[in-house]
Every structure is written in structure tokens, then in C-alpha cells.
Amino acid sequence: LRKLKERYGLSDDLARQIVRDVRLDLFERLAERY
């Protein structure tokens, strides 16, 4: 959760939602590429 907020500038609420999502790994891959 801490890394998602620091690396991608996500709000606390959005980071908590995405860390629970089944496609978390896909989000990280897309955020890195695009």
C-alpha cells in the first residue's frame, strides 16, 4: 500500500482499492509502461 502511494501518486483510498483487486499485477505493469 505504501509503495503504491509513493510510486504512482495514488490516494490512500484508491491504493486500498487497487491492492485488493484481482488484477493488481496488471495495474502495476500498465502503470510502469504507460
PDB file of all heavy atoms in Angstrom:
ATOM      1  N   LEU A   1       0.836  -1.203   0.000  1.00  0.00           N
ATOM      2  CA  LEU A   1       0.000   0.000   0.000  1.00  0.00           C
ATOM      3  C   LEU A   1       0.872   1.255   0.000  1.00  0.00           C
ATOM      4  O   LEU A   1       0.638   2.206  -0.756  1.00  0.00           O
ATOM      5  CB  LEU A   1      -0.911  -0.026   1.231  1.00  0.00           C
ATOM      6  CG  LEU A   1      -2.071   0.965   1.267  1.00  0.00           C
ATOM      7  CD1 LEU A   1      -3.107   0.611   0.214  1.00  0.00           C
ATOM      8  CD2 LEU A   1      -2.717   0.961   2.653  1.00  0.00           C
ATOM      9  N   ARG A   2       1.901   1.244   0.845  1.00  0.00           N
ATOM     10  CA  ARG A   2       2.801   2.401   0.924  1.00  0.00           C
ATOM     11  C   ARG A   2       3.507   2.632  -0.410  1.00  0.00           C
ATOM     12  O   ARG A   2       3.603   3.768  -0.895  1.00  0.00           O
ATOM     13  CB  ARG A   2       3.834   2.172   2.032  1.00  0.00           C
ATOM     14  CG  ARG A   2       4.813   3.321   2.231  1.00  0.00           C
ATOM     15  CD  ARG A   2       5.891   2.963   3.233  1.00  0.00           C
ATOM     16  NE  ARG A   2       6.750   1.891   2.748  1.00  0.00           N
ATOM     17  CZ  ARG A   2       7.750   2.077   1.866  1.00  0.00           C
ATOM     18  NH1 ARG A   2       7.993   3.287   1.370  1.00  0.00           N
ATOM     19  NH2 ARG A   2       8.493   1.060   1.495  1.00  0.00           N
ATOM     20  N   LYS A   3       3.971   1.557  -1.049  1.00  0.00           N
ATOM     21  CA  LYS A   3       4.688   1.690  -2.318  1.00  0.00           C
ATOM     22  C   LYS A   3       3.779   2.197  -3.438  1.00  0.00           C
ATOM     23  O   LYS A   3       4.210   2.978  -4.294  1.00  0.00           O
ATOM     24  CB  LYS A   3       5.311   0.351  -2.703  1.00  0.00           C
ATOM     25  CG  LYS A   3       6.503  -0.035  -1.833  1.00  0.00           C
ATOM     26  CD  LYS A   3       7.178  -1.295  -2.346  1.00  0.00           C
ATOM     27  CE  LYS A   3       8.410  -1.631  -1.517  1.00  0.00           C
ATOM     28  NZ  LYS A   3       9.085  -2.867  -1.998  1.00  0.00           N
ATOM     29  N   LEU A   4       2.546   1.737  -3.453  1.00  0.00           N
ATOM     30  CA  LEU A   4       1.613   2.187  -4.489  1.00  0.00           C
ATOM     31  C   LEU A   4       1.375   3.693  -4.387  1.00  0.00           C
ATOM     32  O   LEU A   4       1.308   4.401  -5.403  1.00  0.00           O
ATOM     33  CB  LEU A   4       0.272   1.448  -4.361  1.00  0.00           C
ATOM     34  CG  LEU A   4       0.259  -0.027  -4.785  1.00  0.00           C
ATOM     35  CD1 LEU A   4      -1.087  -0.661  -4.450  1.00  0.00           C
ATOM     36  CD2 LEU A   4       0.529  -0.161  -6.282  1.00  0.00           C
ATOM     37  N   LYS A   5       1.250   4.179  -3.173  1.00  0.00           N
ATOM     38  CA  LYS A   5       1.009   5.618  -2.979  1.00  0.00           C
ATOM     39  C   LYS A   5       2.247   6.432  -3.347  1.00  0.00           C
ATOM     40  O   LYS A   5       2.141   7.487  -3.983  1.00  0.00           O
ATOM     41  CB  LYS A   5       0.588   5.888  -1.525  1.00  0.00           C
ATOM     42  CG  LYS A   5      -0.801   5.346  -1.202  1.00  0.00           C
ATOM     43  CD  LYS A   5      -1.329   5.834   0.127  1.00  0.00           C
ATOM     44  CE  LYS A   5      -0.607   5.198   1.291  1.00  0.00           C
ATOM     45  NZ  LYS A   5      -1.234   5.546   2.593  1.00  0.00           N
ATOM     46  N   GLU A   6       3.416   5.941  -2.952  1.00  0.00           N
ATOM     47  CA  GLU A   6       4.649   6.685  -3.217  1.00  0.00           C
ATOM     48  C   GLU A   6       5.049   6.636  -4.692  1.00  0.00           C
ATOM     49  O   GLU A   6       5.398   7.650  -5.285  1.00  0.00           O
ATOM     50  CB  GLU A   6       5.786   6.131  -2.358  1.00  0.00           C
ATOM     51  CG  GLU A   6       5.653   6.449  -0.883  1.00  0.00           C
ATOM     52  CD  GLU A   6       6.815   5.898  -0.076  1.00  0.00           C
ATOM     53  OE1 GLU A   6       7.714   5.253  -0.692  1.00  0.00           O
ATOM     54  OE2 GLU A   6       6.846   6.099   1.158  1.00  0.00           O
ATOM     55  N   ARG A   7       4.986   5.457  -5.295  1.00  0.00           N
ATOM     56  CA  ARG A   7       5.481   5.276  -6.660  1.00  0.00           C
ATOM     57  C   ARG A   7       4.546   5.855  -7.709  1.00  0.00           C
ATOM     58  O   ARG A   7       4.981   6.440  -8.703  1.00  0.00           O
ATOM     59  CB  ARG A   7       5.699   3.783  -6.937  1.00  0.00           C
ATOM     60  CG  ARG A   7       6.382   3.506  -8.281  1.00  0.00           C
ATOM     61  CD  ARG A   7       6.683   2.027  -8.422  1.00  0.00           C
ATOM     62  NE  ARG A   7       7.454   1.745  -9.613  1.00  0.00           N
ATOM     63  CZ  ARG A   7       8.769   1.854  -9.720  1.00  0.00           C
ATOM     64  NH1 ARG A   7       9.479   2.246  -8.665  1.00  0.00           N
ATOM     65  NH2 ARG A   7       9.393   1.572 -10.848  1.00  0.00           N
ATOM     66  N   TYR A   8       3.221   5.692  -7.481  1.00  0.00           N
ATOM     67  CA  TYR A   8       2.262   6.083  -8.515  1.00  0.00           C
ATOM     68  C   TYR A   8       1.390   7.270  -8.126  1.00  0.00           C
ATOM     69  O   TYR A   8       0.518   7.682  -8.893  1.00  0.00           O
ATOM     70  CB  TYR A   8       1.365   4.890  -8.871  1.00  0.00           C
ATOM     71  CG  TYR A   8       2.148   3.676  -9.306  1.00  0.00           C
ATOM     72  CD1 TYR A   8       2.134   2.506  -8.560  1.00  0.00           C
ATOM     73  CD2 TYR A   8       2.925   3.703 -10.469  1.00  0.00           C
ATOM     74  CE1 TYR A   8       2.858   1.389  -8.954  1.00  0.00           C
ATOM     75  CE2 TYR A   8       3.662   2.598 -10.867  1.00  0.00           C
ATOM     76  CZ  TYR A   8       3.620   1.446 -10.100  1.00  0.00           C
ATOM     77  OH  TYR A   8       4.351   0.347 -10.495  1.00  0.00           O
ATOM     78  N   GLY A   9       1.621   7.820  -6.941  1.00  0.00           N
ATOM     79  CA  GLY A   9       0.867   9.003  -6.528  1.00  0.00           C
ATOM     80  C   GLY A   9      -0.608   8.739  -6.304  1.00  0.00           C
ATOM     81  O   GLY A   9      -1.443   9.642  -6.474  1.00  0.00           O
ATOM     82  N   LEU A  10      -0.962   7.509  -5.940  1.00  0.00           N
ATOM     83  CA  LEU A  10      -2.365   7.187  -5.708  1.00  0.00           C
ATOM     84  C   LEU A  10      -2.819   7.696  -4.347  1.00  0.00           C
ATOM     85  O   LEU A  10      -2.040   7.750  -3.393  1.00  0.00           O
ATOM     86  CB  LEU A  10      -2.580   5.673  -5.768  1.00  0.00           C
ATOM     87  CG  LEU A  10      -2.153   4.940  -7.045  1.00  0.00           C
ATOM     88  CD1 LEU A  10      -2.533   3.459  -6.946  1.00  0.00           C
ATOM     89  CD2 LEU A  10      -2.773   5.565  -8.276  1.00  0.00           C
ATOM     90  N   SER A  11      -4.086   8.084  -4.263  1.00  0.00           N
ATOM     91  CA  SER A  11      -4.650   8.453  -2.969  1.00  0.00           C
ATOM     92  C   SER A  11      -4.731   7.214  -2.092  1.00  0.00           C
ATOM     93  O   SER A  11      -4.666   6.072  -2.582  1.00  0.00           O
ATOM     94  CB  SER A  11      -6.050   9.038  -3.148  1.00  0.00           C
ATOM     95  OG  SER A  11      -6.950   8.039  -3.615  1.00  0.00           O
ATOM     96  N   ASP A  12      -4.900   7.424  -0.785  1.00  0.00           N
ATOM     97  CA  ASP A  12      -4.976   6.292   0.133  1.00  0.00           C
ATOM     98  C   ASP A  12      -6.153   5.386  -0.223  1.00  0.00           C
ATOM     99  O   ASP A  12      -6.022   4.157  -0.242  1.00  0.00           O
ATOM    100  CB  ASP A  12      -5.122   6.793   1.575  1.00  0.00           C
ATOM    101  CG  ASP A  12      -5.111   5.646   2.581  1.00  0.00           C
ATOM    102  OD1 ASP A  12      -4.047   5.046   2.781  1.00  0.00           O
ATOM    103  OD2 ASP A  12      -6.178   5.352   3.148  1.00  0.00           O
ATOM    104  N   ASP A  13      -7.303   6.000  -0.534  1.00  0.00           N
ATOM    105  CA  ASP A  13      -8.497   5.213  -0.852  1.00  0.00           C
ATOM    106  C   ASP A  13      -8.301   4.405  -2.130  1.00  0.00           C
ATOM    107  O   ASP A  13      -8.644   3.216  -2.191  1.00  0.00           O
ATOM    108  CB  ASP A  13      -9.710   6.137  -0.996  1.00  0.00           C
ATOM    109  CG  ASP A  13     -10.985   5.365  -1.292  1.00  0.00           C
ATOM    110  OD1 ASP A  13     -11.365   4.513  -0.488  1.00  0.00           O
ATOM    111  OD2 ASP A  13     -11.591   5.629  -2.354  1.00  0.00           O
ATOM    112  N   LEU A  14      -7.741   5.047  -3.170  1.00  0.00           N
ATOM    113  CA  LEU A  14      -7.542   4.356  -4.441  1.00  0.00           C
ATOM    114  C   LEU A  14      -6.506   3.238  -4.302  1.00  0.00           C
ATOM    115  O   LEU A  14      -6.661   2.156  -4.878  1.00  0.00           O
ATOM    116  CB  LEU A  14      -7.104   5.357  -5.519  1.00  0.00           C
ATOM    117  CG  LEU A  14      -7.074   4.849  -6.965  1.00  0.00           C
ATOM    118  CD1 LEU A  14      -8.421   4.269  -7.357  1.00  0.00           C
ATOM    119  CD2 LEU A  14      -6.676   5.978  -7.907  1.00  0.00           C
ATOM    120  N   ALA A  15      -5.454   3.491  -3.526  1.00  0.00           N
ATOM    121  CA  ALA A  15      -4.426   2.468  -3.304  1.00  0.00           C
ATOM    122  C   ALA A  15      -5.017   1.261  -2.576  1.00  0.00           C
ATOM    123  O   ALA A  15      -4.708   0.109  -2.905  1.00  0.00           O
ATOM    124  CB  ALA A  15      -3.267   3.050  -2.498  1.00  0.00           C
ATOM    125  N   ARG A  16      -5.882   1.505  -1.588  1.00  0.00           N
ATOM    126  CA  ARG A  16      -6.513   0.402  -0.858  1.00  0.00           C
ATOM    127  C   ARG A  16      -7.416  -0.424  -1.771  1.00  0.00           C
ATOM    128  O   ARG A  16      -7.501  -1.646  -1.653  1.00  0.00           O
ATOM    129  CB  ARG A  16      -7.327   0.939   0.328  1.00  0.00           C
ATOM    130  CG  ARG A  16      -6.465   1.438   1.473  1.00  0.00           C
ATOM    131  CD  ARG A  16      -7.297   1.937   2.637  1.00  0.00           C
ATOM    132  NE  ARG A  16      -6.448   2.459   3.694  1.00  0.00           N
ATOM    133  CZ  ARG A  16      -5.856   1.703   4.611  1.00  0.00           C
ATOM    134  NH1 ARG A  16      -6.045   0.390   4.597  1.00  0.00           N
ATOM    135  NH2 ARG A  16      -5.082   2.237   5.524  1.00  0.00           N
ATOM    136  N   GLN A  17      -8.098   0.259  -2.687  1.00  0.00           N
ATOM    137  CA  GLN A  17      -8.971  -0.464  -3.618  1.00  0.00           C
ATOM    138  C   GLN A  17      -8.166  -1.320  -4.592  1.00  0.00           C
ATOM    139  O   GLN A  17      -8.501  -2.478  -4.842  1.00  0.00           O
ATOM    140  CB  GLN A  17      -9.845   0.524  -4.396  1.00  0.00           C
ATOM    141  CG  GLN A  17     -10.919   1.203  -3.566  1.00  0.00           C
ATOM    142  CD  GLN A  17     -11.813   2.068  -4.439  1.00  0.00           C
ATOM    143  OE1 GLN A  17     -12.466   1.582  -5.355  1.00  0.00           O
ATOM    144  NE2 GLN A  17     -11.832   3.356  -4.166  1.00  0.00           N
ATOM    145  N   ILE A  18      -7.105  -0.749  -5.153  1.00  0.00           N
ATOM    146  CA  ILE A  18      -6.355  -1.478  -6.178  1.00  0.00           C
ATOM    147  C   ILE A  18      -5.548  -2.619  -5.569  1.00  0.00           C
ATOM    148  O   ILE A  18      -5.335  -3.656  -6.217  1.00  0.00           O
ATOM    149  CB  ILE A  18      -5.438  -0.526  -6.999  1.00  0.00           C
ATOM    150  CG1 ILE A  18      -4.996  -1.211  -8.308  1.00  0.00           C
ATOM    151  CG2 ILE A  18      -4.244  -0.083  -6.200  1.00  0.00           C
ATOM    152  CD1 ILE A  18      -6.111  -1.511  -9.263  1.00  0.00           C
ATOM    153  N   VAL A  19      -5.119  -2.480  -4.320  1.00  0.00           N
ATOM    154  CA  VAL A  19      -4.338  -3.561  -3.704  1.00  0.00           C
ATOM    155  C   VAL A  19      -5.223  -4.774  -3.420  1.00  0.00           C
ATOM    156  O   VAL A  19      -4.728  -5.895  -3.265  1.00  0.00           O
ATOM    157  CB  VAL A  19      -3.644  -3.066  -2.408  1.00  0.00           C
ATOM    158  CG1 VAL A  19      -4.577  -3.125  -1.210  1.00  0.00           C
ATOM    159  CG2 VAL A  19      -2.376  -3.877  -2.130  1.00  0.00           C
ATOM    160  N   ARG A  20      -6.540  -4.555  -3.388  1.00  0.00           N
ATOM    161  CA  ARG A  20      -7.483  -5.657  -3.186  1.00  0.00           C
ATOM    162  C   ARG A  20      -7.980  -6.237  -4.505  1.00  0.00           C
ATOM    163  O   ARG A  20      -8.701  -7.227  -4.511  1.00  0.00           O
ATOM    164  CB  ARG A  20      -8.690  -5.180  -2.366  1.00  0.00           C
ATOM    165  CG  ARG A  20      -8.359  -4.826  -0.928  1.00  0.00           C
ATOM    166  CD  ARG A  20      -9.604  -4.361  -0.199  1.00  0.00           C
ATOM    167  NE  ARG A  20      -9.351  -4.168   1.227  1.00  0.00           N
ATOM    168  CZ  ARG A  20     -10.271  -3.847   2.126  1.00  0.00           C
ATOM    169  NH1 ARG A  20     -11.528  -3.689   1.732  1.00  0.00           N
ATOM    170  NH2 ARG A  20      -9.967  -3.689   3.392  1.00  0.00           N
ATOM    171  N   ASP A  21      -7.636  -5.600  -5.605  1.00  0.00           N
ATOM    172  CA  ASP A  21      -8.169  -6.019  -6.893  1.00  0.00           C
ATOM    173  C   ASP A  21      -7.415  -7.237  -7.421  1.00  0.00           C
ATOM    174  O   ASP A  21      -6.192  -7.339  -7.271  1.00  0.00           O
ATOM    175  CB  ASP A  21      -8.079  -4.869  -7.905  1.00  0.00           C
ATOM    176  CG  ASP A  21      -8.960  -5.091  -9.109  1.00  0.00           C
ATOM    177  OD1 ASP A  21      -8.527  -5.812 -10.031  1.00  0.00           O
ATOM    178  OD2 ASP A  21     -10.075  -4.567  -9.128  1.00  0.00           O
ATOM    179  N   VAL A  22      -8.149  -8.146  -8.075  1.00  0.00           N
ATOM    180  CA  VAL A  22      -7.514  -9.364  -8.597  1.00  0.00           C
ATOM    181  C   VAL A  22      -6.521  -9.057  -9.709  1.00  0.00           C
ATOM    182  O   VAL A  22      -5.650  -9.871 -10.014  1.00  0.00           O
ATOM    183  CB  VAL A  22      -8.569 -10.361  -9.117  1.00  0.00           C
ATOM    184  CG1 VAL A  22      -9.452 -10.836  -7.986  1.00  0.00           C
ATOM    185  CG2 VAL A  22      -9.414  -9.756 -10.229  1.00  0.00           C
ATOM    186  N   ARG A  23      -6.629  -7.871 -10.329  1.00  0.00           N
ATOM    187  CA  ARG A  23      -5.720  -7.518 -11.420  1.00  0.00           C
ATOM    188  C   ARG A  23      -4.651  -6.518 -10.957  1.00  0.00           C
ATOM    189  O   ARG A  23      -4.160  -5.715 -11.745  1.00  0.00           O
ATOM    190  CB  ARG A  23      -6.513  -6.923 -12.587  1.00  0.00           C
ATOM    191  CG  ARG A  23      -7.338  -7.965 -13.366  1.00  0.00           C
ATOM    192  CD  ARG A  23      -7.976  -7.318 -14.575  1.00  0.00           C
ATOM    193  NE  ARG A  23      -8.469  -8.297 -15.525  1.00  0.00           N
ATOM    194  CZ  ARG A  23      -9.759  -8.524 -15.779  1.00  0.00           C
ATOM    195  NH1 ARG A  23     -10.677  -7.842 -15.109  1.00  0.00           N
ATOM    196  NH2 ARG A  23     -10.136  -9.407 -16.675  1.00  0.00           N
ATOM    197  N   LEU A  24      -4.263  -6.596  -9.694  1.00  0.00           N
ATOM    198  CA  LEU A  24      -3.231  -5.704  -9.163  1.00  0.00           C
ATOM    199  C   LEU A  24      -1.953  -5.785  -9.988  1.00  0.00           C
ATOM    200  O   LEU A  24      -1.343  -4.757 -10.313  1.00  0.00           O
ATOM    201  CB  LEU A  24      -2.939  -6.059  -7.700  1.00  0.00           C
ATOM    202  CG  LEU A  24      -1.716  -5.383  -7.067  1.00  0.00           C
ATOM    203  CD1 LEU A  24      -1.894  -3.870  -7.030  1.00  0.00           C
ATOM    204  CD2 LEU A  24      -1.467  -5.937  -5.664  1.00  0.00           C
ATOM    205  N   ASP A  25      -1.541  -7.009 -10.346  1.00  0.00           N
ATOM    206  CA  ASP A  25      -0.297  -7.159 -11.102  1.00  0.00           C
ATOM    207  C   ASP A  25      -0.400  -6.498 -12.477  1.00  0.00           C
ATOM    208  O   ASP A  25       0.560  -5.903 -12.972  1.00  0.00           O
ATOM    209  CB  ASP A  25       0.063  -8.637 -11.252  1.00  0.00           C
ATOM    210  CG  ASP A  25      -1.040  -9.442 -11.932  1.00  0.00           C
ATOM    211  OD1 ASP A  25      -2.222  -9.085 -11.794  1.00  0.00           O
ATOM    212  OD2 ASP A  25      -0.722 -10.443 -12.597  1.00  0.00           O
ATOM    213  N   LEU A  26      -1.576  -6.568 -13.100  1.00  0.00           N
ATOM    214  CA  LEU A  26      -1.774  -5.924 -14.400  1.00  0.00           C
ATOM    215  C   LEU A  26      -1.721  -4.407 -14.258  1.00  0.00           C
ATOM    216  O   LEU A  26      -1.122  -3.722 -15.093  1.00  0.00           O
ATOM    217  CB  LEU A  26      -3.113  -6.351 -15.006  1.00  0.00           C
ATOM    218  CG  LEU A  26      -3.475  -5.717 -16.357  1.00  0.00           C
ATOM    219  CD1 LEU A  26      -2.418  -6.016 -17.411  1.00  0.00           C
ATOM    220  CD2 LEU A  26      -4.849  -6.198 -16.816  1.00  0.00           C
ATOM    221  N   PHE A  27      -2.339  -3.873 -13.200  1.00  0.00           N
ATOM    222  CA  PHE A  27      -2.263  -2.428 -12.977  1.00  0.00           C
ATOM    223  C   PHE A  27      -0.820  -1.969 -12.898  1.00  0.00           C
ATOM    224  O   PHE A  27      -0.422  -0.981 -13.533  1.00  0.00           O
ATOM    225  CB  PHE A  27      -2.993  -2.026 -11.690  1.00  0.00           C
ATOM    226  CG  PHE A  27      -2.532  -0.687 -11.166  1.00  0.00           C
ATOM    227  CD1 PHE A  27      -2.919   0.486 -11.794  1.00  0.00           C
ATOM    228  CD2 PHE A  27      -1.655  -0.603 -10.088  1.00  0.00           C
ATOM    229  CE1 PHE A  27      -2.455   1.721 -11.349  1.00  0.00           C
ATOM    230  CE2 PHE A  27      -1.193   0.617  -9.641  1.00  0.00           C
ATOM    231  CZ  PHE A  27      -1.591   1.789 -10.273  1.00  0.00           C
ATOM    232  N   GLU A  28       0.002  -2.671 -12.119  1.00  0.00           N
ATOM    233  CA  GLU A  28       1.398  -2.252 -11.956  1.00  0.00           C
ATOM    234  C   GLU A  28       2.145  -2.301 -13.281  1.00  0.00           C
ATOM    235  O   GLU A  28       2.957  -1.420 -13.577  1.00  0.00           O
ATOM    236  CB  GLU A  28       2.086  -3.135 -10.910  1.00  0.00           C
ATOM    237  CG  GLU A  28       1.577  -2.906  -9.500  1.00  0.00           C
ATOM    238  CD  GLU A  28       2.429  -3.596  -8.461  1.00  0.00           C
ATOM    239  OE1 GLU A  28       2.209  -4.799  -8.209  1.00  0.00           O
ATOM    240  OE2 GLU A  28       3.323  -2.941  -7.899  1.00  0.00           O
ATOM    241  N   ARG A  29       1.877  -3.325 -14.078  1.00  0.00           N
ATOM    242  CA  ARG A  29       2.540  -3.436 -15.377  1.00  0.00           C
ATOM    243  C   ARG A  29       2.144  -2.281 -16.298  1.00  0.00           C
ATOM    244  O   ARG A  29       2.998  -1.676 -16.954  1.00  0.00           O
ATOM    245  CB  ARG A  29       2.182  -4.780 -16.022  1.00  0.00           C
ATOM    246  CG  ARG A  29       3.004  -5.069 -17.267  1.00  0.00           C
ATOM    247  CD  ARG A  29       2.902  -6.518 -17.676  1.00  0.00           C
ATOM    248  NE  ARG A  29       1.646  -6.828 -18.338  1.00  0.00           N
ATOM    249  CZ  ARG A  29       0.787  -7.739 -17.939  1.00  0.00           C
ATOM    250  NH1 ARG A  29       1.035  -8.436 -16.843  1.00  0.00           N
ATOM    251  NH2 ARG A  29      -0.319  -7.971 -18.612  1.00  0.00           N
ATOM    252  N   LEU A  30       0.855  -1.954 -16.326  1.00  0.00           N
ATOM    253  CA  LEU A  30       0.382  -0.869 -17.192  1.00  0.00           C
ATOM    254  C   LEU A  30       0.862   0.487 -16.696  1.00  0.00           C
ATOM    255  O   LEU A  30       1.198   1.371 -17.501  1.00  0.00           O
ATOM    256  CB  LEU A  30      -1.147  -0.896 -17.262  1.00  0.00           C
ATOM    257  CG  LEU A  30      -1.778  -2.161 -17.868  1.00  0.00           C
ATOM    258  CD1 LEU A  30      -3.294  -2.034 -17.902  1.00  0.00           C
ATOM    259  CD2 LEU A  30      -1.232  -2.425 -19.261  1.00  0.00           C
ATOM    260  N   ALA A  31       0.890   0.668 -15.375  1.00  0.00           N
ATOM    261  CA  ALA A  31       1.356   1.940 -14.822  1.00  0.00           C
ATOM    262  C   ALA A  31       2.828   2.177 -15.144  1.00  0.00           C
ATOM    263  O   ALA A  31       3.247   3.308 -15.404  1.00  0.00           O
ATOM    264  CB  ALA A  31       1.128   1.970 -13.309  1.00  0.00           C
ATOM    265  N   GLU A  32       3.621   1.105 -15.154  1.00  0.00           N
ATOM    266  CA  GLU A  32       5.037   1.220 -15.493  1.00  0.00           C
ATOM    267  C   GLU A  32       5.220   1.568 -16.973  1.00  0.00           C
ATOM    268  O   GLU A  32       6.060   2.388 -17.332  1.00  0.00           O
ATOM    269  CB  GLU A  32       5.766  -0.085 -15.175  1.00  0.00           C
ATOM    270  CG  GLU A  32       5.989  -0.336 -13.691  1.00  0.00           C
ATOM    271  CD  GLU A  32       6.906   0.703 -13.070  1.00  0.00           C
ATOM    272  OE1 GLU A  32       7.936   1.035 -13.691  1.00  0.00           O
ATOM    273  OE2 GLU A  32       6.583   1.196 -11.981  1.00  0.00           O
ATOM    274  N   ARG A  33       4.430   0.921 -17.836  1.00  0.00           N
ATOM    275  CA  ARG A  33       4.611   1.106 -19.276  1.00  0.00           C
ATOM    276  C   ARG A  33       4.012   2.401 -19.802  1.00  0.00           C
ATOM    277  O   ARG A  33       4.554   3.012 -20.724  1.00  0.00           O
ATOM    278  CB  ARG A  33       3.988  -0.081 -20.024  1.00  0.00           C
ATOM    279  CG  ARG A  33       4.725  -1.393 -19.839  1.00  0.00           C
ATOM    280  CD  ARG A  33       4.050  -2.519 -20.619  1.00  0.00           C
ATOM    281  NE  ARG A  33       4.735  -3.793 -20.399  1.00  0.00           N
ATOM    282  CZ  ARG A  33       4.329  -4.952 -20.881  1.00  0.00           C
ATOM    283  NH1 ARG A  33       3.214  -5.007 -21.600  1.00  0.00           N
ATOM    284  NH2 ARG A  33       5.002  -6.070 -20.647  1.00  0.00           N
ATOM    285  N   TYR A  34       2.866   2.802 -19.253  1.00  0.00           N
ATOM    286  CA  TYR A  34       2.128   3.915 -19.864  1.00  0.00           C
ATOM    287  C   TYR A  34       1.892   5.078 -18.909  1.00  0.00           C
ATOM    288  O   TYR A  34       1.206   6.041 -19.266  1.00  0.00           O
ATOM    289  CB  TYR A  34       0.773   3.409 -20.385  1.00  0.00           C
ATOM    290  CG  TYR A  34       0.891   2.219 -21.297  1.00  0.00           C
ATOM    291  CD1 TYR A  34       0.564   0.935 -20.855  1.00  0.00           C
ATOM    292  CD2 TYR A  34       1.350   2.366 -22.609  1.00  0.00           C
ATOM    293  CE1 TYR A  34       0.688  -0.168 -21.684  1.00  0.00           C
ATOM    294  CE2 TYR A  34       1.471   1.264 -23.449  1.00  0.00           C
ATOM    295  CZ  TYR A  34       1.141  -0.004 -22.978  1.00  0.00           C
ATOM    296  OH  TYR A  34       1.266  -1.084 -23.809  1.00  0.00           O
TER     297      TYR A  34
END
